Amino acid sequence: MPREPVTEEVVAQLRDVLESEMLDDDYNYMGAQFAAQDLGHEELAEFVYRADAATYYEAVQRAKGRIEDGSA
């Protein structure tokens, strides 16, 4: 099974979800999938559906890094 790529769009959309404070836990991937759908972030919703836990964790770490850096 090939690894799901963590694209720049996925990271940007995940940052938006994290900043929305819709999740009780940043690592709640099912909550992230529902929040992504609610916000119209289809690429993120598909990523969460296909990615394994380690890949989702990597995406969260990258999105959190962007939040801390204040970058887009």
C-alpha atoms as a PDB file:
ATOM      1  CA  MET A   1       0.000   0.000   0.000  1.00  0.00           C
ATOM      2  CA  PRO A   2       1.621   3.285  -1.070  1.00  0.00           C
ATOM      3  CA  ARG A   3       1.985   6.085   1.433  1.00  0.00           C
ATOM      4  CA  GLU A   4      -0.501   8.943   1.043  1.00  0.00           C
ATOM      5  CA  PRO A   5       1.435  12.142   0.185  1.00  0.00           C
ATOM      6  CA  VAL A   6       1.253  15.113   2.547  1.00  0.00           C
ATOM      7  CA  THR A   7       0.716  17.950   0.065  1.00  0.00           C
ATOM      8  CA  GLU A   8       0.979  21.670   0.728  1.00  0.00           C
ATOM      9  CA  GLU A   9      -2.790  21.954   0.204  1.00  0.00           C
ATOM     10  CA  VAL A  10      -3.446  19.267   2.823  1.00  0.00           C
ATOM     11  CA  VAL A  11      -1.217  21.087   5.322  1.00  0.00           C
ATOM     12  CA  ALA A  12      -2.907  24.438   4.586  1.00  0.00           C
ATOM     13  CA  GLN A  13      -6.381  22.939   4.949  1.00  0.00           C
ATOM     14  CA  LEU A  14      -5.393  21.106   8.133  1.00  0.00           C
ATOM     15  CA  ARG A  15      -4.017  24.337   9.558  1.00  0.00           C
ATOM     16  CA  ASP A  16      -7.412  25.916   8.874  1.00  0.00           C
ATOM     17  CA  VAL A  17      -9.164  23.055  10.685  1.00  0.00           C
ATOM     18  CA  LEU A  18      -6.806  23.289  13.667  1.00  0.00           C
ATOM     19  CA  GLU A  19      -7.272  27.052  13.903  1.00  0.00           C
ATOM     20  CA  SER A  20     -11.063  26.666  13.731  1.00  0.00           C
ATOM     21  CA  GLU A  21     -10.989  24.953  17.145  1.00  0.00           C
ATOM     22  CA  MET A  22     -13.558  22.415  15.906  1.00  0.00           C
ATOM     23  CA  LEU A  23     -11.470  19.507  17.259  1.00  0.00           C
ATOM     24  CA  ASP A  24     -11.300  18.392  20.877  1.00  0.00           C
ATOM     25  CA  ASP A  25      -7.884  16.871  20.115  1.00  0.00           C
ATOM     26  CA  ASP A  26      -5.632  17.834  17.199  1.00  0.00           C
ATOM     27  CA  TYR A  27      -4.835  14.140  16.614  1.00  0.00           C
ATOM     28  CA  ASN A  28      -8.502  13.129  16.340  1.00  0.00           C
ATOM     29  CA  TYR A  29      -8.388  12.147  12.691  1.00  0.00           C
ATOM     30  CA  MET A  30     -12.067  11.258  12.461  1.00  0.00           C
ATOM     31  CA  GLY A  31     -13.005  14.643  13.886  1.00  0.00           C
ATOM     32  CA  ALA A  32     -10.594  16.241  11.418  1.00  0.00           C
ATOM     33  CA  GLN A  33     -12.316  14.469   8.543  1.00  0.00           C
ATOM     34  CA  PHE A  34     -15.751  15.730   9.619  1.00  0.00           C
ATOM     35  CA  ALA A  35     -14.408  19.260  10.208  1.00  0.00           C
ATOM     36  CA  ALA A  36     -12.758  19.207   6.778  1.00  0.00           C
ATOM     37  CA  GLN A  37     -16.069  18.264   5.176  1.00  0.00           C
ATOM     38  CA  ASP A  38     -17.879  20.984   7.146  1.00  0.00           C
ATOM     39  CA  LEU A  39     -15.354  23.580   5.959  1.00  0.00           C
ATOM     40  CA  GLY A  40     -15.426  22.352   2.352  1.00  0.00           C
ATOM     41  CA  HIS A  41     -11.841  21.038   2.446  1.00  0.00           C
ATOM     42  CA  GLU A  42     -12.322  18.038   0.183  1.00  0.00           C
ATOM     43  CA  GLU A  43      -8.625  17.339  -0.359  1.00  0.00           C
ATOM     44  CA  LEU A  44      -8.038  17.132   3.397  1.00  0.00           C
ATOM     45  CA  ALA A  45     -11.122  14.965   3.932  1.00  0.00           C
ATOM     46  CA  GLU A  46      -9.883  12.512   1.277  1.00  0.00           C
ATOM     47  CA  PHE A  47      -6.348  12.580   2.737  1.00  0.00           C
ATOM     48  CA  VAL A  48      -7.606  11.734   6.231  1.00  0.00           C
ATOM     49  CA  TYR A  49      -9.695   8.902   4.809  1.00  0.00           C
ATOM     50  CA  ARG A  50      -6.716   7.371   2.971  1.00  0.00           C
ATOM     51  CA  ALA A  51      -3.750   8.169   5.253  1.00  0.00           C
ATOM     52  CA  ASP A  52      -2.449   5.939   8.001  1.00  0.00           C
ATOM     53  CA  ALA A  53      -2.022   7.268  11.549  1.00  0.00           C
ATOM     54  CA  ALA A  54       1.678   8.066  11.157  1.00  0.00           C
ATOM     55  CA  THR A  55       1.076  10.078   7.988  1.00  0.00           C
ATOM     56  CA  TYR A  56      -1.788  12.002   9.612  1.00  0.00           C
ATOM     57  CA  TYR A  57       0.493  12.712  12.600  1.00  0.00           C
ATOM     58  CA  GLU A  58       3.145  14.076  10.232  1.00  0.00           C
ATOM     59  CA  ALA A  59       0.572  16.343   8.592  1.00  0.00           C
ATOM     60  CA  VAL A  60      -0.575  17.649  11.990  1.00  0.00           C
ATOM     61  CA  GLN A  61       3.007  18.386  12.995  1.00  0.00           C
ATOM     62  CA  ARG A  62       3.605  20.311   9.770  1.00  0.00           C
ATOM     63  CA  ALA A  63       0.336  22.272  10.168  1.00  0.00           C
ATOM     64  CA  LYS A  64       1.152  23.102  13.800  1.00  0.00           C
ATOM     65  CA  GLY A  65       4.603  24.275  12.714  1.00  0.00           C
ATOM     66  CA  ARG A  66       2.960  26.666  10.268  1.00  0.00           C
ATOM     67  CA  ILE A  67       0.673  27.980  12.995  1.00  0.00           C
ATOM     68  CA  GLU A  68       3.629  28.576  15.320  1.00  0.00           C
ATOM     69  CA  ASP A  69       5.652  30.224  12.540  1.00  0.00           C
ATOM     70  CA  GLY A  70       2.700  32.298  11.424  1.00  0.00           C
ATOM     71  CA  SER A  71       3.293  31.226   7.827  1.00  0.00           C
ATOM     72  CA  ALA A  72       0.621  30.487   5.258  1.00  0.00           C
END
